[in-house]
Amino acid sequence: MVPTSFRNTRDRMSKAVPTARLAIAALAALLATSAAASAQQFSAELSRRDKDGQISMGRLAAAGDKVRIEAPDLPSGFFIVRGDAKAVYFVQPDRRVFMDARQSSVLTEIMVPVDPEAPCPKWQAMAEISRSAEGGAAWRCERIGEDTRDGRATIRYGMTSPRGRHYSGWIDPRLKFVVRIEADDGATTELADVREGPQPDSAFEIPAGLHKFDPQQLIELMKHSDVWVDPAKDSRAEPLK
């Protein structure tokens, strides 16, 4: 006959085994997630060449779903993309303001971490946040094949935005990020001098002391002033169709 104490110990051990396995699996998943997030932290130069060949430079930093874009054609400020908060801001430190970035730059839609095997769902989600998808189609992606850019393996896609613009894009599977965008007119945007490593949290936060600027508030104020002309009553306005 098996002693009661032994049976109790055996029962406790048998119950503990599944719990231990679950704990190990959870720890493994956590470590994998941490490793993936770490691999997506980097900074890089952001190089833009327009259709006439003129080059301008900016910078980009990424840490998971948080991205800071210092766009080459907007030197007065920078974008903060917060995928975790479903928000995109344009920050102007010199004016001490920030604002929601609505339909302001396609970079805030494309320059975000994606699934290298299926990037369009994330781009579509960002288009909905920026409202650039309103009244349009969805982002469409066509995988073209593997390629190499600056010694890094990439996957090339043909891309069509909700507004019907066509691009070619090269995604780095290690970064889970597009590293080159080429528009139909020949203009390109490219990441260069990529440096992987942790990025400071402050890079993705609104600087202290800035206030939020709401353009709609300005419009509402103008409606009650002498300078406002109601388009519906303006004789110069085109007839409504």
Protein backbone atom coordinates (compact mmCIF):
# COMPACT_ATOMS: atom_id res chain seq x y z
CA MET A 1 0.00 0.00 0.00
CA VAL A 2 1.36 3.41 -1.04
CA PRO A 3 1.71 5.82 1.89
CA THR A 4 -0.65 8.78 1.84
CA SER A 5 2.22 11.27 2.04
CA PHE A 6 3.85 9.74 -1.03
CA ARG A 7 0.59 9.86 -3.02
CA ASN A 8 0.11 13.52 -2.10
CA THR A 9 3.65 14.37 -3.20
CA ARG A 10 3.16 12.50 -6.48
CA ASP A 11 -0.13 14.27 -7.15
CA ARG A 12 1.43 17.67 -6.50
CA MET A 13 4.29 16.88 -8.87
CA SER A 14 1.94 15.68 -11.62
CA LYS A 15 -0.05 18.91 -11.33
CA ALA A 16 3.08 21.01 -11.29
CA VAL A 17 4.48 19.58 -14.55
CA PRO A 18 1.86 21.18 -16.89
CA THR A 19 2.18 24.45 -14.99
CA ALA A 20 5.94 24.39 -15.39
CA ARG A 21 5.59 23.66 -19.09
CA LEU A 22 3.23 26.60 -19.51
CA ALA A 23 5.64 28.84 -17.63
CA ILE A 24 8.54 27.74 -19.83
CA ALA A 25 6.47 28.29 -22.98
CA ALA A 26 5.42 31.75 -21.79
CA LEU A 27 9.02 32.65 -20.99
CA ALA A 28 10.16 31.46 -24.41
CA ALA A 29 7.47 33.56 -26.09
CA LEU A 30 8.46 36.58 -24.01
CA LEU A 31 12.10 36.17 -24.92
CA ALA A 32 11.21 35.77 -28.60
CA THR A 33 9.07 38.90 -28.46
CA SER A 34 11.85 40.83 -26.73
CA ALA A 35 14.35 39.68 -29.33
CA ALA A 36 12.03 40.70 -32.15
CA ALA A 37 11.44 44.12 -30.60
CA SER A 38 15.17 44.59 -30.09
CA ALA A 39 15.84 43.73 -33.73
CA GLN A 40 13.44 46.50 -34.80
CA GLN A 41 15.25 49.24 -32.88
CA PHE A 42 17.53 51.25 -35.13
CA SER A 43 18.38 54.67 -36.50
CA ALA A 44 19.27 55.64 -40.05
CA GLU A 45 19.78 58.53 -42.43
CA LEU A 46 16.74 59.23 -44.59
CA SER A 47 17.79 60.16 -48.10
CA ARG A 48 15.37 61.55 -50.68
CA ARG A 49 16.15 62.04 -54.36
CA ASP A 50 13.44 63.90 -56.29
CA LYS A 51 12.55 63.28 -59.92
CA ASP A 52 15.09 65.94 -60.99
CA GLY A 53 17.91 64.26 -59.10
CA GLN A 54 18.10 66.74 -56.20
CA ILE A 55 19.07 65.04 -52.92
CA SER A 56 17.90 66.08 -49.45
CA MET A 57 18.64 64.38 -46.15
CA GLY A 58 16.70 63.62 -42.98
CA ARG A 59 16.77 61.01 -40.24
CA LEU A 60 14.64 58.18 -38.92
CA ALA A 61 14.58 56.25 -35.64
CA ALA A 62 12.42 53.23 -34.83
CA ALA A 63 11.66 51.23 -31.71
CA GLY A 64 8.95 48.69 -32.29
CA ASP A 65 5.68 50.50 -33.12
CA LYS A 66 7.21 53.91 -32.38
CA VAL A 67 8.88 55.81 -35.23
CA ARG A 68 10.37 59.29 -35.49
CA ILE A 69 10.69 60.71 -39.01
CA GLU A 70 12.69 63.85 -39.72
CA ALA A 71 11.49 64.24 -43.28
CA PRO A 72 13.93 65.80 -45.77
CA ASP A 73 11.28 68.14 -47.21
CA LEU A 74 9.95 69.33 -43.82
CA PRO A 75 12.93 70.81 -41.94
CA SER A 76 10.67 72.85 -39.65
CA GLY A 77 9.57 69.81 -37.65
CA PHE A 78 9.34 66.05 -37.42
CA PHE A 79 6.76 63.29 -37.32
CA ILE A 80 6.14 60.95 -34.40
CA VAL A 81 4.32 57.78 -35.38
CA ARG A 82 2.81 55.92 -32.43
CA GLY A 83 1.35 52.69 -33.75
CA ASP A 84 0.79 51.59 -30.16
CA ALA A 85 -1.48 54.61 -29.60
CA LYS A 86 -2.88 54.70 -33.16
CA ALA A 87 -1.70 58.28 -33.59
CA VAL A 88 0.59 60.32 -35.82
CA TYR A 89 1.81 63.79 -34.85
CA PHE A 90 3.72 66.56 -36.58
CA VAL A 91 5.88 68.41 -34.05
CA GLN A 92 7.25 71.93 -34.51
CA PRO A 93 9.50 72.74 -31.54
CA ASP A 94 10.33 76.26 -32.75
CA ARG A 95 6.63 77.17 -32.74
CA ARG A 96 6.06 75.24 -29.49
CA VAL A 97 3.19 73.27 -31.04
CA PHE A 98 2.29 69.82 -32.27
CA MET A 99 -0.73 68.62 -34.24
CA ASP A 100 -2.40 65.51 -35.59
CA ALA A 101 -0.74 64.67 -38.91
CA ARG A 102 -3.66 64.06 -41.25
CA GLN A 103 -2.85 63.05 -44.84
CA SER A 104 0.38 64.99 -44.54
CA SER A 105 2.99 62.52 -45.77
CA VAL A 106 2.95 59.04 -47.26
CA LEU A 107 6.09 58.37 -45.19
CA THR A 108 3.97 58.11 -42.03
CA GLU A 109 2.05 55.27 -43.69
CA ILE A 110 4.96 53.33 -45.18
CA MET A 111 7.82 53.97 -42.74
CA VAL A 112 6.46 51.68 -40.03
CA PRO A 113 7.31 48.12 -38.94
CA VAL A 114 5.49 45.50 -41.04
CA ASP A 115 5.21 41.77 -41.59
CA PRO A 116 7.73 41.26 -44.42
CA GLU A 117 5.50 38.55 -45.91
CA ALA A 118 2.35 40.71 -45.81
CA PRO A 119 3.11 44.45 -45.42
CA CYS A 120 -0.15 45.88 -46.79
CA PRO A 121 -2.38 45.29 -43.73
CA LYS A 122 -0.12 47.51 -41.60
CA TRP A 123 0.11 50.20 -44.28
CA GLN A 124 -3.68 50.13 -44.61
CA ALA A 125 -4.06 50.50 -40.84
CA MET A 126 -1.78 53.56 -40.91
CA ALA A 127 -3.72 55.02 -43.86
CA GLU A 128 -6.90 54.73 -41.82
CA ILE A 129 -5.25 56.48 -38.86
CA SER A 130 -4.16 59.35 -41.12
CA ARG A 131 -7.54 59.29 -42.91
CA SER A 132 -5.84 59.10 -46.31
CA ALA A 133 -7.82 55.93 -47.02
CA GLU A 134 -11.16 57.78 -46.79
CA GLY A 135 -12.99 57.57 -50.08
CA GLY A 136 -10.24 55.48 -51.62
CA ALA A 137 -9.28 51.87 -52.11
CA ALA A 138 -7.04 49.79 -49.86
CA TRP A 139 -3.26 49.47 -50.06
CA ARG A 140 -2.37 46.70 -52.52
CA CYS A 141 0.91 44.78 -52.55
CA GLU A 142 2.41 42.44 -55.13
CA ARG A 143 5.52 40.49 -54.20
CA ILE A 144 8.10 40.71 -56.98
CA GLY A 145 10.99 38.73 -55.49
CA GLU A 146 14.14 38.80 -53.38
CA ASP A 147 16.81 41.45 -53.86
CA THR A 148 19.88 42.88 -52.10
CA ARG A 149 20.28 46.51 -51.07
CA ASP A 150 23.56 47.74 -49.57
CA GLY A 151 24.53 44.18 -48.74
CA ARG A 152 21.25 43.45 -46.91
CA ALA A 153 18.70 40.88 -48.06
CA THR A 154 15.37 42.46 -49.00
CA ILE A 155 11.99 41.52 -50.46
CA ARG A 156 10.77 43.71 -53.29
CA TYR A 157 7.11 44.65 -53.66
CA GLY A 158 4.99 46.55 -56.11
CA MET A 159 2.69 48.82 -54.07
CA THR A 160 -0.44 50.85 -54.82
CA SER A 161 -1.73 53.38 -52.28
CA PRO A 162 -5.42 54.08 -51.52
CA ARG A 163 -5.03 57.20 -53.65
CA GLY A 164 -3.91 55.14 -56.64
CA ARG A 165 -0.20 56.05 -56.58
CA HIS A 166 2.24 53.31 -57.54
CA TYR A 167 5.56 52.55 -55.86
CA SER A 168 8.23 49.90 -55.66
CA GLY A 169 9.35 49.03 -52.14
CA TRP A 170 12.21 47.00 -50.69
CA ILE A 171 11.60 45.52 -47.22
CA ASP A 172 14.42 44.32 -44.97
CA PRO A 173 13.09 41.19 -43.19
CA ARG A 174 15.56 41.65 -40.33
CA LEU A 175 14.40 45.20 -39.61
CA LYS A 176 10.80 44.45 -40.67
CA PHE A 177 10.97 47.82 -42.36
CA VAL A 178 10.95 49.23 -45.88
CA VAL A 179 14.44 50.50 -46.69
CA ARG A 180 13.79 51.91 -50.16
CA ILE A 181 10.73 53.42 -51.87
CA GLU A 182 10.70 54.31 -55.55
CA ALA A 183 7.81 56.29 -57.05
CA ASP A 184 6.68 56.00 -60.65
CA ASP A 185 8.17 59.42 -61.46
CA GLY A 186 11.63 58.21 -60.40
CA ALA A 187 11.75 59.91 -56.99
CA THR A 188 13.26 57.69 -54.28
CA THR A 189 13.37 57.62 -50.51
CA GLU A 190 15.96 55.38 -48.92
CA LEU A 191 17.41 54.46 -45.55
CA ALA A 192 21.20 54.64 -45.36
CA ASP A 193 23.80 54.04 -42.64
CA VAL A 194 21.41 51.83 -40.66
CA ARG A 195 22.57 51.38 -37.07
CA GLU A 196 20.75 48.74 -35.04
CA GLY A 197 20.46 49.29 -31.30
CA PRO A 198 18.18 50.64 -28.55
CA GLN A 199 16.72 54.11 -29.12
CA PRO A 200 15.95 56.66 -26.36
CA ASP A 201 12.29 56.85 -25.33
CA SER A 202 12.47 60.65 -25.51
CA ALA A 203 12.86 60.45 -29.30
CA PHE A 204 9.24 59.32 -29.58
CA GLU A 205 7.63 61.68 -27.09
CA ILE A 206 6.18 65.17 -27.49
CA PRO A 207 8.71 67.58 -25.93
CA ALA A 208 7.55 69.18 -22.70
CA GLY A 209 5.99 72.63 -22.93
CA LEU A 210 4.39 72.22 -26.37
CA HIS A 211 0.66 72.69 -26.84
CA LYS A 212 -1.58 70.96 -29.33
CA PHE A 213 -2.68 73.02 -32.31
CA ASP A 214 -6.08 72.14 -33.76
CA PRO A 215 -6.64 73.62 -37.25
CA GLN A 216 -10.37 73.02 -36.88
CA GLN A 217 -10.44 75.42 -33.94
CA LEU A 218 -8.90 78.12 -36.13
CA ILE A 219 -11.52 77.48 -38.80
CA GLU A 220 -14.30 77.77 -36.24
CA LEU A 221 -12.89 81.10 -35.02
CA MET A 222 -12.69 82.39 -38.59
CA LYS A 223 -16.33 81.48 -39.17
CA HIS A 224 -17.31 84.10 -36.60
CA SER A 225 -15.06 86.81 -38.04
CA ASP A 226 -15.35 89.28 -40.93
CA VAL A 227 -12.82 87.35 -43.03
CA TRP A 228 -14.91 84.18 -43.29
CA VAL A 229 -16.79 83.55 -46.52
CA ASP A 230 -19.29 80.69 -46.52
CA PRO A 231 -18.51 78.61 -49.62
CA ALA A 232 -22.21 77.79 -50.02
CA LYS A 233 -23.01 81.53 -50.27
CA ASP A 234 -19.93 82.64 -52.20
CA SER A 235 -20.83 83.65 -55.75
CA ARG A 236 -17.35 82.61 -56.83
CA ALA A 237 -17.83 79.08 -55.61
CA GLU A 238 -18.45 76.32 -58.13
CA PRO A 239 -22.05 75.06 -58.21
CA LEU A 240 -22.55 72.01 -56.01
CA LYS A 241 -22.93 68.80 -57.97
